[in-house]
N, C-alpha and C. Protein backbone atom coordinates (compact mmCIF):
# COMPACT_ATOMS: atom_id res chain seq x y z
N MET A 1 57.42 112.74 50.93
CA MET A 1 57.06 111.58 51.10
C MET A 1 58.08 110.93 51.81
N THR A 2 57.79 110.23 53.05
CA THR A 2 58.71 109.37 53.64
C THR A 2 58.62 107.89 53.26
N SER A 3 59.61 107.57 52.99
CA SER A 3 59.77 106.02 52.69
C SER A 3 59.92 105.07 53.95
N SER A 4 59.02 104.05 53.88
CA SER A 4 59.13 103.25 55.21
C SER A 4 59.46 101.74 54.60
N LYS A 5 60.87 101.58 54.92
CA LYS A 5 61.68 100.47 54.65
C LYS A 5 61.71 99.58 55.77
N THR A 6 61.56 98.50 55.75
CA THR A 6 61.86 97.65 56.97
C THR A 6 63.30 97.08 56.66
N GLN A 7 64.11 97.04 57.86
CA GLN A 7 65.46 96.40 57.69
C GLN A 7 65.13 94.69 57.74
N ALA A 8 66.02 93.81 56.90
CA ALA A 8 66.22 92.46 57.04
C ALA A 8 66.52 92.17 58.50
N SER A 9 65.80 91.32 59.02
CA SER A 9 66.25 90.74 60.34
C SER A 9 67.52 90.09 60.04
N LEU A 10 68.45 90.09 61.32
CA LEU A 10 69.86 89.27 61.16
C LEU A 10 69.72 87.80 61.19
N ILE A 11 68.60 87.14 61.86
CA ILE A 11 68.10 85.82 61.73
C ILE A 11 66.64 85.79 61.30
N ASP A 12 66.61 84.61 60.51
CA ASP A 12 65.35 84.12 60.06
C ASP A 12 64.54 83.60 61.21
N ARG A 13 63.17 83.32 61.03
CA ARG A 13 62.24 82.74 61.97
C ARG A 13 62.72 81.07 62.25
N ARG A 14 63.19 80.48 61.29
CA ARG A 14 63.60 79.24 61.53
C ARG A 14 64.90 79.04 62.54
N ARG A 15 66.01 79.87 62.10
CA ARG A 15 66.88 79.97 63.21
C ARG A 15 66.52 80.60 64.41
N PHE A 16 65.64 81.34 64.54
CA PHE A 16 65.15 82.05 65.80
C PHE A 16 64.62 80.67 66.60
N LEU A 17 63.74 79.94 65.97
CA LEU A 17 63.23 78.66 66.84
C LEU A 17 64.23 77.75 67.00
N GLU A 18 65.31 77.52 66.34
CA GLU A 18 66.31 76.67 66.70
C GLU A 18 67.05 77.05 68.03
N TYR A 19 67.31 78.31 68.04
CA TYR A 19 68.20 79.05 69.14
C TYR A 19 67.23 78.66 70.46
N ALA A 20 66.10 79.19 70.11
CA ALA A 20 64.97 78.81 71.49
C ALA A 20 64.86 77.55 71.87
N TRP A 21 64.72 76.78 71.08
CA TRP A 21 64.61 75.28 71.57
C TRP A 21 66.22 74.88 72.19
N CYS A 22 67.23 75.37 71.45
CA CYS A 22 68.40 75.13 72.32
C CYS A 22 68.48 75.57 73.82
N GLY A 23 67.79 76.78 73.84
CA GLY A 23 67.75 77.49 75.26
C GLY A 23 67.18 76.63 76.12
N VAL A 24 65.99 76.10 75.70
CA VAL A 24 65.00 75.45 76.59
C VAL A 24 65.52 74.00 76.95
N GLY A 25 66.39 73.34 75.91
CA GLY A 25 66.99 72.34 76.24
C GLY A 25 68.06 72.29 77.45
N VAL A 26 68.81 73.32 77.16
CA VAL A 26 70.00 73.66 78.35
C VAL A 26 69.37 74.06 79.73
N SER A 27 68.07 74.80 79.47
CA SER A 27 67.55 75.01 80.70
C SER A 27 67.20 73.77 81.55
N LEU A 28 66.45 72.83 80.83
CA LEU A 28 66.03 71.56 81.30
C LEU A 28 67.25 70.90 82.00
N SER A 29 68.34 70.84 81.05
CA SER A 29 69.26 70.04 81.48
C SER A 29 69.95 70.55 82.94
N LEU A 30 70.12 71.72 82.83
CA LEU A 30 70.53 72.49 84.13
C LEU A 30 69.69 72.09 85.18
N ALA A 31 68.36 72.03 85.39
CA ALA A 31 67.40 72.02 86.19
C ALA A 31 67.55 70.55 86.58
N LEU A 32 67.79 69.44 85.75
CA LEU A 32 67.85 68.22 86.23
C LEU A 32 69.04 67.90 87.12
N LEU A 33 69.88 68.56 86.96
CA LEU A 33 71.39 68.43 87.79
C LEU A 33 70.85 68.52 89.19
N PRO A 34 71.48 67.69 89.90
CA PRO A 34 71.60 67.86 91.40
C PRO A 34 72.26 69.04 91.87
N GLY A 35 71.42 70.14 92.60
CA GLY A 35 72.01 71.43 92.60
C GLY A 35 73.04 71.39 93.76
N HIS A 36 72.83 70.56 94.84
CA HIS A 36 73.69 70.49 95.87
C HIS A 36 75.36 70.29 95.40
N GLU A 37 75.25 69.59 94.23
CA GLU A 37 76.75 68.95 93.73
C GLU A 37 77.37 69.89 92.99
N ILE A 38 76.62 71.05 92.66
CA ILE A 38 77.43 72.21 91.62
C ILE A 38 78.47 72.85 92.19
N LEU A 39 78.04 73.50 93.26
CA LEU A 39 79.06 74.21 94.07
C LEU A 39 79.19 73.68 95.48
N ALA A 40 78.99 72.47 95.76
CA ALA A 40 78.81 71.95 97.25
C ALA A 40 80.16 71.92 97.72
N SER A 41 80.22 72.21 99.31
CA SER A 41 81.62 72.28 100.04
C SER A 41 81.46 70.70 100.83
N PRO A 42 82.43 70.08 100.72
CA PRO A 42 82.47 68.82 101.69
C PRO A 42 82.62 69.08 103.08
N ARG A 43 82.27 68.51 103.79
CA ARG A 43 82.45 68.29 105.09
C ARG A 43 83.72 67.85 105.44
N PHE A 44 84.50 68.72 105.89
CA PHE A 44 86.21 68.43 106.22
C PHE A 44 86.13 67.55 107.75
N GLY A 45 86.60 66.43 107.66
CA GLY A 45 86.74 65.96 108.75
C GLY A 45 87.98 66.14 109.58
N ASP A 46 89.11 66.49 108.65
CA ASP A 46 90.25 66.98 108.95
C ASP A 46 90.74 68.30 108.45
N ASP A 47 92.08 68.72 108.74
CA ASP A 47 92.56 69.79 108.36
C ASP A 47 92.65 69.88 106.78
N PRO A 48 91.87 70.57 105.81
CA PRO A 48 91.94 70.56 104.45
C PRO A 48 93.06 70.97 103.96
N PHE A 49 93.96 71.59 104.64
CA PHE A 49 95.17 72.16 104.10
C PHE A 49 96.39 71.36 104.64
N THR A 50 96.39 70.23 104.51
CA THR A 50 97.58 69.40 104.95
C THR A 50 98.80 69.16 104.27
N LEU A 51 98.69 69.77 102.90
CA LEU A 51 99.82 70.03 101.97
C LEU A 51 100.34 71.20 102.05
N GLY A 52 99.74 72.16 103.05
CA GLY A 52 100.31 73.27 103.33
C GLY A 52 99.97 74.41 102.34
N VAL A 53 100.81 75.46 102.14
CA VAL A 53 100.34 76.57 101.29
C VAL A 53 101.74 77.03 100.63
N ALA A 54 101.80 77.62 99.32
CA ALA A 54 103.07 78.21 98.75
C ALA A 54 103.00 79.31 97.94
N SER A 55 104.04 79.92 97.78
CA SER A 55 104.09 81.25 96.97
C SER A 55 105.22 81.40 96.08
N GLY A 56 105.10 81.77 94.92
CA GLY A 56 106.33 81.80 93.97
C GLY A 56 106.17 82.67 92.96
N ASP A 57 107.08 82.87 91.78
CA ASP A 57 107.04 83.57 90.94
C ASP A 57 106.84 85.04 90.93
N PRO A 58 107.66 85.64 91.83
CA PRO A 58 107.29 87.00 92.46
C PRO A 58 107.56 87.89 91.08
N THR A 59 106.85 88.98 91.01
CA THR A 59 107.45 90.13 90.17
C THR A 59 107.13 91.17 91.18
N ASP A 60 107.63 92.41 90.52
CA ASP A 60 107.51 93.86 91.23
C ASP A 60 106.13 94.28 91.90
N ASP A 61 104.92 93.46 91.48
CA ASP A 61 103.74 94.01 92.10
C ASP A 61 102.98 92.61 92.03
N GLY A 62 103.35 91.60 91.89
CA GLY A 62 102.63 90.55 92.35
C GLY A 62 103.29 89.21 92.86
N ILE A 63 102.47 88.08 92.96
CA ILE A 63 102.96 86.87 93.21
C ILE A 63 101.90 85.62 92.80
N VAL A 64 102.23 84.57 92.77
CA VAL A 64 101.21 83.37 92.70
C VAL A 64 101.30 82.54 94.02
N LEU A 65 100.01 82.51 94.34
CA LEU A 65 99.84 81.91 95.33
C LEU A 65 99.22 80.47 95.07
N TRP A 66 99.53 79.28 96.10
CA TRP A 66 98.89 78.04 95.75
C TRP A 66 98.75 77.20 96.95
N THR A 67 97.79 76.38 96.84
CA THR A 67 97.34 75.59 97.75
C THR A 67 96.63 74.29 97.37
N ARG A 68 96.52 73.08 97.92
CA ARG A 68 95.70 72.21 97.52
C ARG A 68 94.90 71.36 98.54
N LEU A 69 93.67 71.37 98.57
CA LEU A 69 92.81 70.87 99.64
C LEU A 69 93.07 69.29 99.56
N ALA A 70 93.50 68.72 100.49
CA ALA A 70 93.72 67.22 100.60
C ALA A 70 93.64 66.89 102.34
N PRO A 71 92.29 67.00 102.66
CA PRO A 71 92.20 66.59 104.18
C PRO A 71 92.87 65.02 104.51
N GLU A 72 92.68 64.10 103.20
CA GLU A 72 93.43 62.98 103.52
C GLU A 72 94.28 62.70 102.43
N PRO A 73 95.60 63.22 102.57
CA PRO A 73 96.44 63.19 101.22
C PRO A 73 96.63 61.99 100.54
N GLY A 74 96.57 60.84 101.19
CA GLY A 74 96.46 59.52 100.82
C GLY A 74 95.46 58.99 99.86
N ASN A 75 94.18 59.80 100.22
CA ASN A 75 93.11 59.29 99.55
C ASN A 75 92.63 60.78 98.82
N PRO A 76 92.86 60.45 97.48
CA PRO A 76 92.48 61.52 96.49
C PRO A 76 90.92 61.59 96.19
N ASP A 77 90.18 60.58 96.31
CA ASP A 77 88.75 60.88 96.23
C ASP A 77 87.96 61.15 97.33
N VAL A 78 88.49 61.60 98.50
CA VAL A 78 87.81 61.97 99.51
C VAL A 78 86.94 63.35 99.31
N LEU A 79 87.47 64.16 98.41
CA LEU A 79 86.63 65.47 98.12
C LEU A 79 85.51 64.89 97.09
N GLY A 80 85.67 63.87 96.20
CA GLY A 80 84.67 63.66 95.45
C GLY A 80 84.67 64.42 93.95
N ARG A 81 83.64 64.71 93.56
CA ARG A 81 83.72 65.59 92.22
C ARG A 81 83.31 67.10 92.63
N SER A 82 83.36 67.38 93.94
CA SER A 82 82.63 68.77 94.39
C SER A 82 83.60 69.85 93.76
N PHE A 83 83.18 70.96 93.71
CA PHE A 83 83.96 72.28 93.39
C PHE A 83 83.71 73.09 94.74
N VAL A 84 84.76 73.39 95.27
CA VAL A 84 85.00 73.89 96.34
C VAL A 84 85.45 75.46 96.69
N PRO A 85 84.79 76.39 97.01
CA PRO A 85 85.10 77.83 97.10
C PRO A 85 86.39 77.79 98.07
N VAL A 86 87.38 78.69 97.90
CA VAL A 86 88.46 78.71 98.52
C VAL A 86 88.65 80.18 98.64
N ARG A 87 88.73 80.83 99.85
CA ARG A 87 89.08 82.29 99.92
C ARG A 87 90.60 82.45 100.26
N TRP A 88 91.16 83.71 99.93
CA TRP A 88 92.33 83.84 99.80
C TRP A 88 92.60 85.37 100.28
N ARG A 89 93.58 85.79 100.96
CA ARG A 89 93.65 87.02 101.51
C ARG A 89 95.21 87.31 101.38
N VAL A 90 95.72 88.55 101.45
CA VAL A 90 97.23 89.06 101.21
C VAL A 90 97.04 90.21 102.36
N ALA A 91 97.99 90.03 103.13
CA ALA A 91 97.98 91.37 104.49
C ALA A 91 99.52 91.84 104.51
N THR A 92 99.70 92.98 105.22
CA THR A 92 101.10 93.51 105.34
C THR A 92 101.62 93.10 106.70
N ASP A 93 100.64 92.34 107.58
CA ASP A 93 101.14 91.75 108.89
C ASP A 93 100.73 90.51 109.09
N SER A 94 101.36 89.79 109.81
CA SER A 94 101.27 88.07 109.87
C SER A 94 100.11 87.94 110.65
N ARG A 95 99.51 88.78 111.51
CA ARG A 95 98.34 88.21 112.03
C ARG A 95 97.04 88.68 111.15
N MET A 96 97.27 89.14 110.10
CA MET A 96 96.15 89.25 108.72
C MET A 96 95.40 90.31 109.20
N ARG A 97 95.59 91.38 109.86
CA ARG A 97 94.56 92.50 110.13
C ARG A 97 94.59 93.56 109.21
N HIS A 98 95.63 93.74 108.41
CA HIS A 98 95.72 94.70 107.36
C HIS A 98 95.90 94.05 105.86
N VAL A 99 94.51 93.71 105.52
CA VAL A 99 94.38 93.17 104.28
C VAL A 99 94.55 93.90 103.18
N VAL A 100 95.34 93.79 102.10
CA VAL A 100 95.29 94.58 100.96
C VAL A 100 94.89 93.63 99.58
N ALA A 101 94.73 92.57 99.84
CA ALA A 101 94.11 91.93 98.44
C ALA A 101 93.37 90.81 99.12
N ARG A 102 92.18 90.40 98.28
CA ARG A 102 91.49 89.20 98.71
C ARG A 102 90.86 88.58 97.71
N GLY A 103 90.30 87.55 97.43
CA GLY A 103 89.20 86.99 96.45
C GLY A 103 88.97 85.52 96.85
N THR A 104 88.19 85.00 95.62
CA THR A 104 87.80 83.53 96.11
C THR A 104 88.21 82.90 94.69
N ALA A 105 88.56 81.72 94.80
CA ALA A 105 88.92 80.93 93.69
C ALA A 105 87.97 79.37 94.13
N VAL A 106 88.12 78.70 93.10
CA VAL A 106 87.38 77.54 93.03
C VAL A 106 88.44 76.27 93.01
N ALA A 107 88.49 75.35 94.02
CA ALA A 107 89.33 74.17 93.76
C ALA A 107 88.50 73.29 93.26
N ALA A 108 88.60 73.01 91.85
CA ALA A 108 87.93 71.94 90.94
C ALA A 108 88.52 70.66 91.24
N PRO A 109 87.89 69.53 91.07
CA PRO A 109 88.24 68.14 91.04
C PRO A 109 89.09 67.88 89.75
N GLN A 110 89.04 68.59 88.71
CA GLN A 110 89.80 68.40 87.67
C GLN A 110 91.31 68.79 87.82
N LEU A 111 91.51 69.67 88.82
CA LEU A 111 92.83 70.04 89.17
C LEU A 111 93.28 69.42 90.36
N ALA A 112 92.69 68.33 90.87
CA ALA A 112 93.04 67.82 92.19
C ALA A 112 92.69 68.80 93.22
N HIS A 113 91.82 69.66 93.27
CA HIS A 113 91.22 70.53 94.12
C HIS A 113 92.29 71.56 94.75
N SER A 114 93.20 71.73 93.63
CA SER A 114 94.30 72.62 93.82
C SER A 114 93.84 74.01 93.36
N VAL A 115 94.54 75.15 93.93
CA VAL A 115 93.96 76.44 93.52
C VAL A 115 95.45 77.21 93.44
N HIS A 116 95.30 78.04 92.23
CA HIS A 116 96.35 78.87 91.91
C HIS A 116 95.84 80.21 91.79
N VAL A 117 96.34 81.18 92.33
CA VAL A 117 95.88 82.74 92.49
C VAL A 117 97.21 83.45 92.00
N GLU A 118 96.93 84.03 90.92
CA GLU A 118 97.76 85.37 90.62
C GLU A 118 97.47 86.83 91.24
N VAL A 119 98.08 87.10 92.05
CA VAL A 119 97.84 88.53 92.93
C VAL A 119 98.68 89.44 92.28
N ASN A 120 97.93 90.81 92.03
CA ASN A 120 98.51 91.68 91.34
C ASN A 120 98.39 92.94 92.05
N GLY A 121 99.19 94.19 91.93
CA GLY A 121 98.74 95.58 92.44
C GLY A 121 99.37 95.63 94.01
N LEU A 122 100.52 94.73 94.21
CA LEU A 122 101.10 95.03 95.25
C LEU A 122 102.30 95.82 95.03
N GLN A 123 103.03 96.23 96.38
CA GLN A 123 104.36 97.25 96.33
C GLN A 123 105.61 96.42 96.14
N PRO A 124 106.42 96.67 95.28
CA PRO A 124 107.61 96.18 95.07
C PRO A 124 108.48 96.18 96.32
N GLY A 125 109.28 95.04 96.29
CA GLY A 125 110.09 94.83 97.40
C GLY A 125 109.92 94.86 98.68
N ARG A 126 108.52 94.28 98.89
CA ARG A 126 107.75 94.26 100.22
C ARG A 126 107.53 93.06 100.77
N ASP A 127 107.51 92.85 102.17
CA ASP A 127 107.00 91.69 102.92
C ASP A 127 105.49 91.75 102.77
N TYR A 128 104.96 90.45 102.54
CA TYR A 128 103.65 90.31 102.73
C TYR A 128 103.19 89.08 103.20
N PHE A 129 101.89 88.81 103.77
CA PHE A 129 101.54 87.20 104.47
C PHE A 129 100.27 87.14 103.78
N TYR A 130 100.04 85.65 103.90
CA TYR A 130 98.84 85.40 102.83
C TYR A 130 98.27 84.08 103.73
N GLN A 131 97.09 83.92 103.47
CA GLN A 131 96.17 82.88 103.97
C GLN A 131 94.85 82.52 103.02
N PHE A 132 94.68 80.95 102.98
CA PHE A 132 93.63 80.61 102.53
C PHE A 132 92.41 80.02 103.68
N ASP A 133 91.21 80.35 103.07
CA ASP A 133 90.40 79.22 104.07
C ASP A 133 88.92 78.62 103.13
N ALA A 134 88.71 77.79 103.74
CA ALA A 134 87.70 77.01 103.13
C ALA A 134 86.75 76.29 104.17
N ARG A 135 85.59 76.45 104.07
CA ARG A 135 84.62 76.42 104.91
C ARG A 135 84.78 76.68 106.53
N ARG A 136 85.16 78.13 106.65
CA ARG A 136 85.59 78.37 107.82
C ARG A 136 86.91 77.70 108.43
N GLU A 137 87.54 77.03 107.55
CA GLU A 137 88.71 76.31 108.14
C GLU A 137 90.00 77.17 107.61
N ASP A 138 91.01 77.74 108.30
CA ASP A 138 91.92 78.41 107.85
C ASP A 138 93.26 77.62 107.62
N SER A 139 94.08 78.16 106.57
CA SER A 139 95.31 77.46 106.50
C SER A 139 96.15 78.15 107.21
N ARG A 140 97.47 77.73 107.43
CA ARG A 140 98.46 78.46 108.18
C ARG A 140 98.83 79.82 107.21
N VAL A 141 99.62 80.68 107.95
CA VAL A 141 99.70 81.89 107.19
C VAL A 141 101.16 81.83 106.73
N GLY A 142 101.10 82.27 105.24
CA GLY A 142 102.45 81.82 104.43
C GLY A 142 103.08 83.51 104.20
N HIS A 143 104.25 83.38 103.87
CA HIS A 143 105.13 84.89 103.65
C HIS A 143 105.65 84.70 102.58
N PHE A 144 105.76 85.92 101.83
CA PHE A 144 106.65 86.27 100.43
C PHE A 144 107.17 87.63 100.47
N ARG A 145 108.19 87.77 99.62
CA ARG A 145 108.40 89.28 99.41
C ARG A 145 108.20 89.44 97.71
N THR A 146 107.71 90.65 97.34
CA THR A 146 107.56 90.90 96.05
C THR A 146 109.00 91.32 95.40
N ALA A 147 109.13 90.97 94.20
CA ALA A 147 110.46 91.58 93.57
C ALA A 147 111.04 92.75 93.59
N PRO A 148 111.80 93.35 93.78
CA PRO A 148 112.21 95.04 93.89
C PRO A 148 111.90 95.43 92.29
N ARG A 149 111.91 96.66 92.21
CA ARG A 149 111.46 97.20 91.10
C ARG A 149 112.71 96.97 90.08
N GLU A 150 112.32 97.09 88.76
CA GLU A 150 113.36 96.56 87.56
C GLU A 150 114.31 97.65 87.91
N HIS A 151 115.70 97.39 87.61
CA HIS A 151 116.85 98.17 87.73
C HIS A 151 117.18 98.58 89.24
N GLU A 152 116.71 98.19 90.10
CA GLU A 152 116.89 98.75 91.51
C GLU A 152 118.10 98.13 92.29
N MET A 153 119.00 98.71 92.66
CA MET A 153 120.22 98.32 93.15
C MET A 153 119.93 97.58 94.39
N LEU A 154 120.35 96.36 94.60
CA LEU A 154 120.23 95.48 95.64
C LEU A 154 121.39 95.70 96.76
N ARG A 155 121.01 95.64 98.09
CA ARG A 155 122.12 95.65 98.99
C ARG A 155 122.85 94.29 99.07
N GLU A 156 122.11 93.20 98.79
CA GLU A 156 122.81 91.79 99.01
C GLU A 156 121.68 90.95 98.17
N THR A 157 122.55 89.74 97.74
CA THR A 157 121.75 88.69 97.20
C THR A 157 122.42 87.25 97.65
N ARG A 158 121.57 86.59 98.08
CA ARG A 158 121.95 85.11 98.76
C ARG A 158 121.75 84.27 97.80
N PHE A 159 122.15 83.15 97.71
CA PHE A 159 121.91 81.81 97.13
C PHE A 159 121.97 80.91 98.07
N ALA A 160 120.96 79.99 97.68
CA ALA A 160 121.29 78.64 98.58
C ALA A 160 120.90 77.59 97.73
N SER A 161 121.30 76.32 97.97
CA SER A 161 121.11 75.11 97.22
C SER A 161 120.21 74.02 98.01
N SER A 162 119.44 73.41 97.08
CA SER A 162 118.57 72.34 97.78
C SER A 162 118.58 71.12 96.96
N PRO A 163 118.94 70.00 97.62
CA PRO A 163 119.26 68.80 96.68
C PRO A 163 117.61 68.16 96.58
N ALA A 164 117.58 67.72 95.36
CA ALA A 164 116.34 66.91 95.23
C ALA A 164 116.79 65.25 94.29
N ARG A 165 116.27 64.61 95.23
CA ARG A 165 116.85 63.13 94.78
C ARG A 165 115.68 62.66 93.99
N THR A 166 115.83 62.03 92.77
CA THR A 166 115.05 61.03 92.11
C THR A 166 115.57 59.91 91.40
N GLY A 167 115.11 59.01 92.19
CA GLY A 167 115.93 57.52 91.91
C GLY A 167 117.21 57.60 92.31
N ARG A 168 118.41 57.37 91.26
CA ARG A 168 119.57 57.23 91.62
C ARG A 168 120.32 58.73 91.43
N ALA A 169 119.65 59.62 90.67
CA ALA A 169 120.39 60.72 90.34
C ALA A 169 119.81 62.03 91.33
N ALA A 170 120.90 62.66 91.61
CA ALA A 170 120.55 63.91 92.61
C ALA A 170 120.85 65.12 92.00
N THR A 171 119.87 66.02 91.99
CA THR A 171 120.15 67.58 91.38
C THR A 171 120.01 68.35 92.39
N THR A 172 120.79 69.50 92.19
CA THR A 172 120.38 70.92 93.06
C THR A 172 119.82 71.89 92.34
N SER A 173 119.22 72.54 93.04
CA SER A 173 118.34 73.60 92.20
C SER A 173 118.82 75.06 93.26
N PRO A 174 119.32 76.15 92.63
CA PRO A 174 119.62 77.45 93.22
C PRO A 174 118.42 78.16 93.71
N ILE A 175 118.50 78.57 94.66
CA ILE A 175 117.41 79.36 95.34
C ILE A 175 117.99 80.63 95.71
N ALA A 176 117.55 81.89 95.08
CA ALA A 176 117.93 83.12 95.34
C ALA A 176 117.10 83.88 96.59
N THR A 177 117.74 84.58 97.24
CA THR A 177 117.18 85.47 98.29
C THR A 177 117.61 86.89 98.03
N CYS A 178 116.85 87.77 97.55
CA CYS A 178 117.12 89.22 97.59
C CYS A 178 116.90 89.80 98.46
N SER A 179 117.51 91.08 99.00
CA SER A 179 117.28 91.74 99.91
C SER A 179 117.85 93.30 99.72
C-alpha cells in the first residue's frame, strides 16, 4: 500500500496573493515611469570628458580607472538625472588596437556622473593604455603601469613630490614611480 501524503506548502494562499499583488504594483509603477529617462543618454553639445581621465591604485594584476562626464564643468545640472552608459577599454598599445579588457559602466547622477572601474586580469609590471567613450565620443587615451609582482626586485625607484595648497597651508604628497 502506498501512502499519499501531500507536503505542506511553504507559503499559504494569503501570502501568495500578497506577493502577487506586490508584483502587480511594482509592474504598474515601472510601466508608468517615462522609459526614455531610465537609461537615456544626453546629447552632448561639448566634449563630455572635459575633466579628463585618471588611473590609480595599481596592483600586480589590475588598476582603478576613473572619469567624470562634465560637458560643462561649471554647470553640474547639464546632464540632469539621466543615467549614462560609459564604455571603457584597456589595450597594450596607445592606438587602442590590441584590447585586453573592456566593459561598460553607468555614470549615475548620484555620483555626479563619475565612473570608477576596477580592472583585473592584467599582467604585472606592464604598460597599458585605456580610453572611455560615451555616445560615440571618445576620451583622450590614458596610460598606466601595473605594479610588479610581489617580492620582485626593482631596477629603480623614483620619487617625486607635488605641492598642494589649501588656503594658507601647503602640503606635499610623494609620488613613486617604479621601473
